[in-house]
Amino acid sequence: MWWRAVRARRRVAGARTASTAAEKSCRAVVVPRFGGPEVLEVRQGVPVPDLKPREVLVRTRAVSINPLDQRMRSGYGRSIFEPQLPLIIGRDISGEVAATGTSASSFSIGQEVFGALHPTALRGTYADYAILSLDELTPKPSTLSHAEASAIPFAALTAWRALHGTARISEGQRVLVIGGGGAVGLAAVQLAVAAGCGVSATCGTQSIERVMGAGAEQAIDYTTEDTEAAVKGKFDAVLDTIGVPETERIGINVLRRGGYYMTLQIDMDWP
């Protein structure tokens, strides 16, 4: 029986946990092959990897569906993800801490948290249990439900990285958000306003009120207005969440010299 004792000691040394066998395997929605929604399968007994020191095991209460998840299911990033099939997709999560690595003591068992995985993470959140690193999680505000919290992280972080990480926006600058009514676009409007920028955004008719309510100075209805004619002046940063040739042309045309044009559309299928 000596091996059982050694195994138990290693478990205590490697992670703090709320339960036992429930975390060794779980249900998960997997992509066994690329295609439409019909390829998705719910599988039982999917292994849960051991935690690394700075990782947290989260019991899933809610996840969101991002455009990236749908594109990954269809084969986006094939060169990265195809060797990993069957694949668990999903970036966002809200839930409770089930176990922590040895260097993740800043979170406690049972604590409500939410967060998002890196875009290229190989094991997603569409499972009963998901593993995230310390810097991918934060405590969930008690004012938000799990469903509400799970809709925020990936979209908001995408907007944050574009505006603060790439464009490095600052107070007094002008920002144009193309597609301000979507999740990333609306987050970008709020982040730019919070940074003290003057913000204009394009959106559909149904989103005009929401975009203005988020603090935009101007909301342009792309279904009834000519965006390029409607915008006033030039911009220090343009975040294009649509990423088609027409919006790219508009974004670049209204950009100040030395400004930043950013699009969410990239090709991950490099050799």
C-alpha atoms as a PDB file:
ATOM      1  CA  MET A   1       0.000   0.000   0.000  1.00  0.00           C
ATOM      2  CA  TRP A   2       3.049   2.294   0.095  1.00  0.00           C
ATOM      3  CA  TRP A   3       2.366   3.616  -3.426  1.00  0.00           C
ATOM      4  CA  ARG A   4      -1.025   4.978  -2.343  1.00  0.00           C
ATOM      5  CA  ALA A   5       0.593   6.995   0.416  1.00  0.00           C
ATOM      6  CA  VAL A   6       3.181   8.435  -1.962  1.00  0.00           C
ATOM      7  CA  ARG A   7       0.490   9.290  -4.482  1.00  0.00           C
ATOM      8  CA  ALA A   8      -1.582  11.019  -1.820  1.00  0.00           C
ATOM      9  CA  ARG A   9       1.369  13.107  -0.662  1.00  0.00           C
ATOM     10  CA  ARG A  10       2.049  14.204  -4.222  1.00  0.00           C
ATOM     11  CA  ARG A  11      -1.569  15.240  -4.670  1.00  0.00           C
ATOM     12  CA  VAL A  12      -1.446  17.432  -1.554  1.00  0.00           C
ATOM     13  CA  ALA A  13       1.868  18.932  -2.678  1.00  0.00           C
ATOM     14  CA  GLY A  14       0.652  19.678  -6.191  1.00  0.00           C
ATOM     15  CA  ALA A  15      -2.775  21.195  -5.632  1.00  0.00           C
ATOM     16  CA  ARG A  16      -5.412  22.188  -3.120  1.00  0.00           C
ATOM     17  CA  THR A  17      -8.750  20.699  -4.040  1.00  0.00           C
ATOM     18  CA  ALA A  18     -12.407  20.721  -3.027  1.00  0.00           C
ATOM     19  CA  SER A  19     -13.206  17.172  -4.099  1.00  0.00           C
ATOM     20  CA  THR A  20     -11.599  14.063  -5.557  1.00  0.00           C
ATOM     21  CA  ALA A  21     -12.731  11.848  -8.440  1.00  0.00           C
ATOM     22  CA  ALA A  22     -15.078  14.485  -9.881  1.00  0.00           C
ATOM     23  CA  GLU A  23     -12.026  16.451 -11.036  1.00  0.00           C
ATOM     24  CA  LYS A  24     -10.188  13.578 -12.729  1.00  0.00           C
ATOM     25  CA  SER A  25     -12.643  13.481 -15.627  1.00  0.00           C
ATOM     26  CA  CYS A  26     -15.699  15.415 -16.713  1.00  0.00           C
ATOM     27  CA  ARG A  27     -18.202  16.067 -19.468  1.00  0.00           C
ATOM     28  CA  ALA A  28     -17.077  18.264 -22.328  1.00  0.00           C
ATOM     29  CA  VAL A  29     -18.309  19.511 -25.672  1.00  0.00           C
ATOM     30  CA  VAL A  30     -15.681  18.442 -28.188  1.00  0.00           C
ATOM     31  CA  VAL A  31     -14.911  19.039 -31.850  1.00  0.00           C
ATOM     32  CA  PRO A  32     -13.806  15.663 -33.277  1.00  0.00           C
ATOM     33  CA  ARG A  33     -13.477  17.136 -36.790  1.00  0.00           C
ATOM     34  CA  PHE A  34     -13.900  20.569 -38.318  1.00  0.00           C
ATOM     35  CA  GLY A  35     -17.294  21.565 -39.689  1.00  0.00           C
ATOM     36  CA  GLY A  36     -20.650  23.088 -38.769  1.00  0.00           C
ATOM     37  CA  PRO A  37     -22.546  22.875 -35.461  1.00  0.00           C
ATOM     38  CA  GLU A  38     -23.465  19.265 -36.248  1.00  0.00           C
ATOM     39  CA  VAL A  39     -19.887  18.093 -35.522  1.00  0.00           C
ATOM     40  CA  LEU A  40     -20.122  19.058 -31.830  1.00  0.00           C
ATOM     41  CA  GLU A  41     -20.303  16.105 -29.447  1.00  0.00           C
ATOM     42  CA  VAL A  42     -20.961  15.892 -25.705  1.00  0.00           C
ATOM     43  CA  ARG A  43     -18.567  13.331 -24.276  1.00  0.00           C
ATOM     44  CA  GLN A  44     -18.350  11.806 -20.817  1.00  0.00           C
ATOM     45  CA  GLY A  45     -15.130  10.902 -19.041  1.00  0.00           C
ATOM     46  CA  VAL A  46     -12.913  13.514 -20.683  1.00  0.00           C
ATOM     47  CA  PRO A  47      -9.647  13.640 -18.675  1.00  0.00           C
ATOM     48  CA  VAL A  48      -8.902  16.717 -16.576  1.00  0.00           C
ATOM     49  CA  PRO A  49      -5.140  17.452 -16.723  1.00  0.00           C
ATOM     50  CA  ASP A  50      -3.110  17.868 -13.544  1.00  0.00           C
ATOM     51  CA  LEU A  51      -2.646  21.441 -12.406  1.00  0.00           C
ATOM     52  CA  LYS A  52       0.619  23.295 -12.829  1.00  0.00           C
ATOM     53  CA  PRO A  53       1.712  25.513  -9.889  1.00  0.00           C
ATOM     54  CA  ARG A  54       0.172  28.732 -11.249  1.00  0.00           C
ATOM     55  CA  GLU A  55      -3.048  27.196 -12.580  1.00  0.00           C
ATOM     56  CA  VAL A  56      -6.588  27.097 -11.218  1.00  0.00           C
ATOM     57  CA  LEU A  57      -9.256  24.461 -11.809  1.00  0.00           C
ATOM     58  CA  VAL A  58     -12.634  26.144 -12.298  1.00  0.00           C
ATOM     59  CA  ARG A  59     -15.973  24.391 -12.014  1.00  0.00           C
ATOM     60  CA  THR A  60     -17.938  25.806 -14.930  1.00  0.00           C
ATOM     61  CA  ARG A  61     -21.233  27.585 -14.269  1.00  0.00           C
ATOM     62  CA  ALA A  62     -21.525  29.529 -17.541  1.00  0.00           C
ATOM     63  CA  VAL A  63     -19.604  30.026 -20.781  1.00  0.00           C
ATOM     64  CA  SER A  64     -20.178  32.264 -23.777  1.00  0.00           C
ATOM     65  CA  ILE A  65     -19.986  31.616 -27.501  1.00  0.00           C
ATOM     66  CA  ASN A  66     -17.577  33.910 -29.306  1.00  0.00           C
ATOM     67  CA  PRO A  67     -17.122  34.271 -33.063  1.00  0.00           C
ATOM     68  CA  LEU A  68     -13.637  32.812 -32.554  1.00  0.00           C
ATOM     69  CA  ASP A  69     -15.170  29.615 -31.129  1.00  0.00           C
ATOM     70  CA  GLN A  70     -17.355  29.219 -34.200  1.00  0.00           C
ATOM     71  CA  ARG A  71     -14.432  29.847 -36.524  1.00  0.00           C
ATOM     72  CA  MET A  72     -12.214  27.362 -34.671  1.00  0.00           C
ATOM     73  CA  ARG A  73     -14.950  24.741 -34.971  1.00  0.00           C
ATOM     74  CA  SER A  74     -15.006  25.388 -38.718  1.00  0.00           C
ATOM     75  CA  GLY A  75     -11.234  25.023 -39.133  1.00  0.00           C
ATOM     76  CA  TYR A  76      -9.776  28.438 -38.312  1.00  0.00           C
ATOM     77  CA  GLY A  77      -6.211  27.979 -37.095  1.00  0.00           C
ATOM     78  CA  ARG A  78      -6.140  24.509 -38.608  1.00  0.00           C
ATOM     79  CA  SER A  79      -2.338  24.280 -38.530  1.00  0.00           C
ATOM     80  CA  ILE A  80      -2.399  24.833 -34.761  1.00  0.00           C
ATOM     81  CA  PHE A  81      -5.498  22.933 -33.704  1.00  0.00           C
ATOM     82  CA  GLU A  82      -5.885  20.013 -36.129  1.00  0.00           C
ATOM     83  CA  PRO A  83      -3.129  17.940 -34.473  1.00  0.00           C
ATOM     84  CA  GLN A  84      -5.025  18.370 -31.166  1.00  0.00           C
ATOM     85  CA  LEU A  85      -8.379  16.938 -32.359  1.00  0.00           C
ATOM     86  CA  PRO A  86     -10.717  16.138 -30.676  1.00  0.00           C
ATOM     87  CA  LEU A  87     -10.647  19.717 -29.461  1.00  0.00           C
ATOM     88  CA  ILE A  88     -12.478  21.433 -26.604  1.00  0.00           C
ATOM     89  CA  ILE A  89     -13.307  24.978 -27.714  1.00  0.00           C
ATOM     90  CA  GLY A  90     -14.491  27.966 -25.666  1.00  0.00           C
ATOM     91  CA  ARG A  91     -12.575  30.962 -24.285  1.00  0.00           C
ATOM     92  CA  ASP A  92     -14.848  32.578 -21.668  1.00  0.00           C
ATOM     93  CA  ILE A  93     -15.896  31.101 -18.335  1.00  0.00           C
ATOM     94  CA  SER A  94     -17.573  31.980 -15.059  1.00  0.00           C
ATOM     95  CA  GLY A  95     -17.664  29.544 -12.181  1.00  0.00           C
ATOM     96  CA  GLU A  96     -16.129  28.500  -8.867  1.00  0.00           C
ATOM     97  CA  VAL A  97     -12.611  27.522  -7.882  1.00  0.00           C
ATOM     98  CA  ALA A  98     -12.429  23.735  -7.465  1.00  0.00           C
ATOM     99  CA  ALA A  99      -8.667  23.395  -6.993  1.00  0.00           C
ATOM    100  CA  THR A 100      -5.530  25.526  -7.102  1.00  0.00           C
ATOM    101  CA  GLY A 101      -1.914  24.912  -7.961  1.00  0.00           C
ATOM    102  CA  THR A 102       0.790  25.306  -5.343  1.00  0.00           C
ATOM    103  CA  SER A 103       1.507  28.907  -6.392  1.00  0.00           C
ATOM    104  CA  ALA A 104      -2.117  29.970  -6.854  1.00  0.00           C
ATOM    105  CA  SER A 105      -3.029  30.605  -3.227  1.00  0.00           C
ATOM    106  CA  SER A 106      -4.483  34.019  -4.061  1.00  0.00           C
ATOM    107  CA  PHE A 107      -7.700  32.148  -4.939  1.00  0.00           C
ATOM    108  CA  SER A 108      -9.678  30.078  -2.446  1.00  0.00           C
ATOM    109  CA  ILE A 109     -11.716  26.928  -2.928  1.00  0.00           C
ATOM    110  CA  GLY A 110     -15.327  27.794  -3.718  1.00  0.00           C
ATOM    111  CA  GLN A 111     -14.539  31.399  -4.696  1.00  0.00           C
ATOM    112  CA  GLU A 112     -16.570  32.712  -7.631  1.00  0.00           C
ATOM    113  CA  VAL A 113     -14.335  33.764 -10.525  1.00  0.00           C
ATOM    114  CA  PHE A 114     -14.530  34.638 -14.207  1.00  0.00           C
ATOM    115  CA  GLY A 115     -11.993  34.972 -16.982  1.00  0.00           C
ATOM    116  CA  ALA A 116     -10.862  34.018 -20.459  1.00  0.00           C
ATOM    117  CA  LEU A 117      -8.275  31.728 -21.998  1.00  0.00           C
ATOM    118  CA  HIS A 118      -5.639  32.847 -24.490  1.00  0.00           C
ATOM    119  CA  PRO A 119      -6.870  32.584 -28.126  1.00  0.00           C
ATOM    120  CA  THR A 120      -4.524  29.679 -28.844  1.00  0.00           C
ATOM    121  CA  ALA A 121      -5.218  27.669 -25.670  1.00  0.00           C
ATOM    122  CA  LEU A 122      -5.579  23.990 -26.601  1.00  0.00           C
ATOM    123  CA  ARG A 123      -8.131  22.990 -23.929  1.00  0.00           C
ATOM    124  CA  GLY A 124     -11.144  25.291 -23.896  1.00  0.00           C
ATOM    125  CA  THR A 125     -13.922  26.044 -21.434  1.00  0.00           C
ATOM    126  CA  TYR A 126     -16.805  23.997 -22.872  1.00  0.00           C
ATOM    127  CA  ALA A 127     -16.457  21.435 -20.095  1.00  0.00           C
ATOM    128  CA  ASP A 128     -17.585  20.831 -16.519  1.00  0.00           C
ATOM    129  CA  TYR A 129     -14.075  21.796 -15.398  1.00  0.00           C
ATOM    130  CA  ALA A 130     -11.626  24.154 -17.087  1.00  0.00           C
ATOM    131  CA  ILE A 131      -8.040  25.084 -16.279  1.00  0.00           C
ATOM    132  CA  LEU A 132      -6.899  28.697 -16.390  1.00  0.00           C
ATOM    133  CA  SER A 133      -3.695  30.387 -15.288  1.00  0.00           C
ATOM    134  CA  LEU A 134      -3.611  32.954 -12.500  1.00  0.00           C
ATOM    135  CA  ASP A 135      -3.436  35.881 -14.901  1.00  0.00           C
ATOM    136  CA  GLU A 136      -6.488  34.655 -16.828  1.00  0.00           C
ATOM    137  CA  LEU A 137      -8.853  34.818 -13.837  1.00  0.00           C
ATOM    138  CA  THR A 138     -10.282  37.440 -11.514  1.00  0.00           C
ATOM    139  CA  PRO A 139     -12.931  37.387  -8.754  1.00  0.00           C
ATOM    140  CA  LYS A 140     -16.493  37.662 -10.081  1.00  0.00           C
ATOM    141  CA  PRO A 141     -18.419  40.698  -8.808  1.00  0.00           C
ATOM    142  CA  SER A 142     -21.405  39.649  -6.713  1.00  0.00           C
ATOM    143  CA  THR A 143     -23.573  42.013  -8.758  1.00  0.00           C
ATOM    144  CA  LEU A 144     -23.132  39.866 -11.876  1.00  0.00           C
ATOM    145  CA  SER A 145     -24.697  36.489 -12.552  1.00  0.00           C
ATOM    146  CA  HIS A 146     -22.466  33.754 -13.950  1.00  0.00           C
ATOM    147  CA  ALA A 147     -24.161  34.142 -17.341  1.00  0.00           C
ATOM    148  CA  GLU A 148     -23.494  37.890 -17.383  1.00  0.00           C
ATOM    149  CA  ALA A 149     -19.899  37.502 -16.219  1.00  0.00           C
ATOM    150  CA  SER A 150     -19.089  34.862 -18.830  1.00  0.00           C
ATOM    151  CA  ALA A 151     -20.079  37.256 -21.621  1.00  0.00           C
ATOM    152  CA  ILE A 152     -17.471  39.865 -20.696  1.00  0.00           C
ATOM    153  CA  PRO A 153     -13.828  38.695 -20.534  1.00  0.00           C
ATOM    154  CA  PHE A 154     -12.711  37.675 -24.030  1.00  0.00           C
ATOM    155  CA  ALA A 155     -14.460  40.549 -25.797  1.00  0.00           C
ATOM    156  CA  ALA A 156     -13.318  43.128 -23.252  1.00  0.00           C
ATOM    157  CA  LEU A 157      -9.723  41.844 -23.254  1.00  0.00           C
ATOM    158  CA  THR A 158      -9.669  41.935 -27.060  1.00  0.00           C
ATOM    159  CA  ALA A 159     -10.712  45.583 -26.977  1.00  0.00           C
ATOM    160  CA  TRP A 160      -8.257  46.361 -24.171  1.00  0.00           C
ATOM    161  CA  ARG A 161      -5.292  44.814 -26.003  1.00  0.00           C
ATOM    162  CA  ALA A 162      -6.092  46.750 -29.168  1.00  0.00           C
ATOM    163  CA  LEU A 163      -6.625  50.138 -27.553  1.00  0.00           C
ATOM    164  CA  HIS A 164      -4.136  50.030 -24.689  1.00  0.00           C
ATOM    165  CA  GLY A 165      -1.640  47.401 -25.791  1.00  0.00           C
ATOM    166  CA  THR A 166      -1.318  48.391 -29.467  1.00  0.00           C
ATOM    167  CA  ALA A 167      -2.620  51.940 -29.957  1.00  0.00           C
ATOM    168  CA  ARG A 168      -1.718  53.065 -26.421  1.00  0.00           C
ATOM    169  CA  ILE A 169      -4.594  55.527 -26.397  1.00  0.00           C
ATOM    170  CA  SER A 170      -4.435  58.507 -24.063  1.00  0.00           C
ATOM    171  CA  GLU A 171      -6.669  61.316 -22.880  1.00  0.00           C
ATOM    172  CA  GLY A 172      -7.722  63.760 -25.558  1.00  0.00           C
ATOM    173  CA  GLN A 173      -7.219  61.419 -28.505  1.00  0.00           C
ATOM    174  CA  ARG A 174      -9.968  60.496 -30.955  1.00  0.00           C
ATOM    175  CA  VAL A 175     -11.049  56.885 -31.468  1.00  0.00           C
ATOM    176  CA  LEU A 176     -13.339  55.380 -34.108  1.00  0.00           C
ATOM    177  CA  VAL A 177     -14.892  51.975 -33.424  1.00  0.00           C
ATOM    178  CA  ILE A 178     -16.276  50.269 -36.519  1.00  0.00           C
ATOM    179  CA  GLY A 179     -18.906  47.835 -35.309  1.00  0.00           C
ATOM    180  CA  GLY A 180     -19.590  49.497 -31.973  1.00  0.00           C
ATOM    181  CA  GLY A 181     -22.760  47.493 -31.330  1.00  0.00           C
ATOM    182  CA  GLY A 182     -21.000  44.126 -30.969  1.00  0.00           C
ATOM    183  CA  ALA A 183     -19.374  42.741 -27.835  1.00  0.00           C
ATOM    184  CA  VAL A 184     -15.830  43.867 -28.654  1.00  0.00           C
ATOM    185  CA  GLY A 185     -17.013  47.148 -30.136  1.00  0.00           C
ATOM    186  CA  LEU A 186     -19.157  48.130 -27.166  1.00  0.00           C
ATOM    187  CA  ALA A 187     -16.345  47.245 -24.772  1.00  0.00           C
ATOM    188  CA  ALA A 188     -13.980  49.379 -26.871  1.00  0.00           C
ATOM    189  CA  VAL A 189     -16.328  52.354 -26.716  1.00  0.00           C
ATOM    190  CA  GLN A 190     -16.467  52.156 -22.925  1.00  0.00           C
ATOM    191  CA  LEU A 191     -12.705  51.650 -22.522  1.00  0.00           C
ATOM    192  CA  ALA A 192     -11.878  54.573 -24.811  1.00  0.00           C
ATOM    193  CA  VAL A 193     -14.363  56.843 -23.040  1.00  0.00           C
ATOM    194  CA  ALA A 194     -12.888  55.818 -19.675  1.00  0.00           C
ATOM    195  CA  ALA A 195      -9.434  56.766 -20.990  1.00  0.00           C
ATOM    196  CA  GLY A 196     -10.688  60.260 -21.772  1.00  0.00           C
ATOM    197  CA  CYS A 197     -10.882  59.869 -25.541  1.00  0.00           C
ATOM    198  CA  GLY A 198     -13.460  61.299 -27.882  1.00  0.00           C
ATOM    199  CA  VAL A 199     -15.244  58.294 -29.384  1.00  0.00           C
ATOM    200  CA  SER A 200     -17.279  57.787 -32.544  1.00  0.00           C
ATOM    201  CA  ALA A 201     -18.720  54.429 -33.526  1.00  0.00           C
ATOM    202  CA  THR A 202     -20.603  52.791 -36.354  1.00  0.00           C
ATOM    203  CA  CYS A 203     -23.430  50.378 -35.589  1.00  0.00           C
ATOM    204  CA  GLY A 204     -26.846  49.212 -36.705  1.00  0.00           C
ATOM    205  CA  THR A 205     -30.066  51.081 -36.000  1.00  0.00           C
ATOM    206  CA  GLN A 206     -30.920  48.880 -33.027  1.00  0.00           C
ATOM    207  CA  SER A 207     -27.606  49.693 -31.302  1.00  0.00           C
ATOM    208  CA  ILE A 208     -27.580  53.504 -31.607  1.00  0.00           C
ATOM    209  CA  GLU A 209     -29.054  54.110 -28.153  1.00  0.00           C
ATOM    210  CA  ARG A 210     -26.787  51.555 -26.500  1.00  0.00           C
ATOM    211  CA  VAL A 211     -23.636  52.986 -28.064  1.00  0.00           C
ATOM    212  CA  MET A 212     -24.557  56.547 -27.097  1.00  0.00           C
ATOM    213  CA  GLY A 213     -25.396  55.325 -23.605  1.00  0.00           C
ATOM    214  CA  ALA A 214     -21.871  53.887 -23.355  1.00  0.00           C
ATOM    215  CA  GLY A 215     -20.474  57.394 -23.792  1.00  0.00           C
ATOM    216  CA  ALA A 216     -19.816  57.773 -27.523  1.00  0.00           C
ATOM    217  CA  GLU A 217     -19.961  61.307 -28.884  1.00  0.00           C
ATOM    218  CA  GLN A 218     -21.312  60.076 -32.197  1.00  0.00           C
ATOM    219  CA  ALA A 219     -23.076  56.880 -33.273  1.00  0.00           C
ATOM    220  CA  ILE A 220     -23.299  56.416 -37.045  1.00  0.00           C
ATOM    221  CA  ASP A 221     -25.991  54.134 -38.419  1.00  0.00           C
ATOM    222  CA  TYR A 222     -24.165  52.303 -41.176  1.00  0.00           C
ATOM    223  CA  THR A 223     -27.462  51.050 -42.621  1.00  0.00           C
ATOM    224  CA  THR A 224     -28.676  54.561 -43.447  1.00  0.00           C
ATOM    225  CA  GLU A 225     -25.581  56.794 -43.426  1.00  0.00           C
ATOM    226  CA  ASP A 226     -22.364  57.061 -45.389  1.00  0.00           C
ATOM    227  CA  THR A 227     -19.807  56.438 -42.662  1.00  0.00           C
ATOM    228  CA  GLU A 228     -16.941  58.285 -44.300  1.00  0.00           C
ATOM    229  CA  ALA A 229     -19.100  61.331 -44.938  1.00  0.00           C
ATOM    230  CA  ALA A 230     -20.648  61.248 -41.471  1.00  0.00           C
ATOM    231  CA  VAL A 231     -17.483  61.122 -39.375  1.00  0.00           C
ATOM    232  CA  LYS A 232     -15.952  64.416 -38.373  1.00  0.00           C
ATOM    233  CA  GLY A 233     -12.211  64.884 -38.713  1.00  0.00           C
ATOM    234  CA  LYS A 234      -9.418  62.337 -38.374  1.00  0.00           C
ATOM    235  CA  PHE A 235      -8.766  59.733 -35.702  1.00  0.00           C
ATOM    236  CA  ASP A 236      -5.732  58.649 -33.696  1.00  0.00           C
ATOM    237  CA  ALA A 237      -6.960  55.063 -33.551  1.00  0.00           C
ATOM    238  CA  VAL A 238      -9.482  53.022 -35.521  1.00  0.00           C
ATOM    239  CA  LEU A 239     -10.628  49.649 -34.233  1.00  0.00           C
ATOM    240  CA  ASP A 240     -12.346  47.724 -37.030  1.00  0.00           C
ATOM    241  CA  THR A 241     -14.297  44.805 -35.569  1.00  0.00           C
ATOM    242  CA  ILE A 242     -15.828  43.960 -38.972  1.00  0.00           C
ATOM    243  CA  GLY A 243     -12.666  43.657 -41.031  1.00  0.00           C
ATOM    244  CA  VAL A 244     -14.003  43.591 -44.592  1.00  0.00           C
ATOM    245  CA  PRO A 245     -12.376  45.525 -47.470  1.00  0.00           C
ATOM    246  CA  GLU A 246     -14.929  48.353 -47.282  1.00  0.00           C
ATOM    247  CA  THR A 247     -14.490  48.976 -43.541  1.00  0.00           C
ATOM    248  CA  GLU A 248     -10.713  48.706 -43.925  1.00  0.00           C
ATOM    249  CA  ARG A 249     -10.782  51.378 -46.631  1.00  0.00           C
ATOM    250  CA  ILE A 250     -12.904  53.691 -44.487  1.00  0.00           C
ATOM    251  CA  GLY A 251     -10.778  53.119 -41.395  1.00  0.00           C
ATOM    252  CA  ILE A 252      -7.537  53.949 -43.153  1.00  0.00           C
ATOM    253  CA  ASN A 253      -9.001  56.987 -44.922  1.00  0.00           C
ATOM    254  CA  VAL A 254     -10.083  58.632 -41.659  1.00  0.00           C
ATOM    255  CA  LEU A 255      -6.830  57.882 -39.831  1.00  0.00           C
ATOM    256  CA  ARG A 256      -4.401  60.590 -38.845  1.00  0.00           C
ATOM    257  CA  ARG A 257      -0.797  60.266 -39.982  1.00  0.00           C
ATOM    258  CA  GLY A 258       0.951  58.048 -37.450  1.00  0.00           C
ATOM    259  CA  GLY A 259      -2.341  56.667 -36.142  1.00  0.00           C
ATOM    260  CA  TYR A 260      -3.274  53.033 -35.590  1.00  0.00           C
ATOM    261  CA  TYR A 261      -5.675  51.007 -37.708  1.00  0.00           C
ATOM    262  CA  MET A 262      -6.520  47.704 -35.993  1.00  0.00           C
ATOM    263  CA  THR A 263      -8.626  44.837 -37.299  1.00  0.00           C
ATOM    264  CA  LEU A 264      -9.794  41.654 -35.599  1.00  0.00           C
ATOM    265  CA  GLN A 265      -9.515  39.655 -38.808  1.00  0.00           C
ATOM    266  CA  ILE A 266      -6.227  37.749 -39.062  1.00  0.00           C
ATOM    267  CA  ASP A 267      -5.072  34.560 -40.753  1.00  0.00           C
ATOM    268  CA  MET A 268      -3.929  31.939 -38.267  1.00  0.00           C
ATOM    269  CA  ASP A 269      -3.353  29.309 -40.948  1.00  0.00           C
ATOM    270  CA  TRP A 270       0.270  30.113 -41.624  1.00  0.00           C
ATOM    271  CA  PRO A 271       2.575  27.221 -42.593  1.00  0.00           C
END
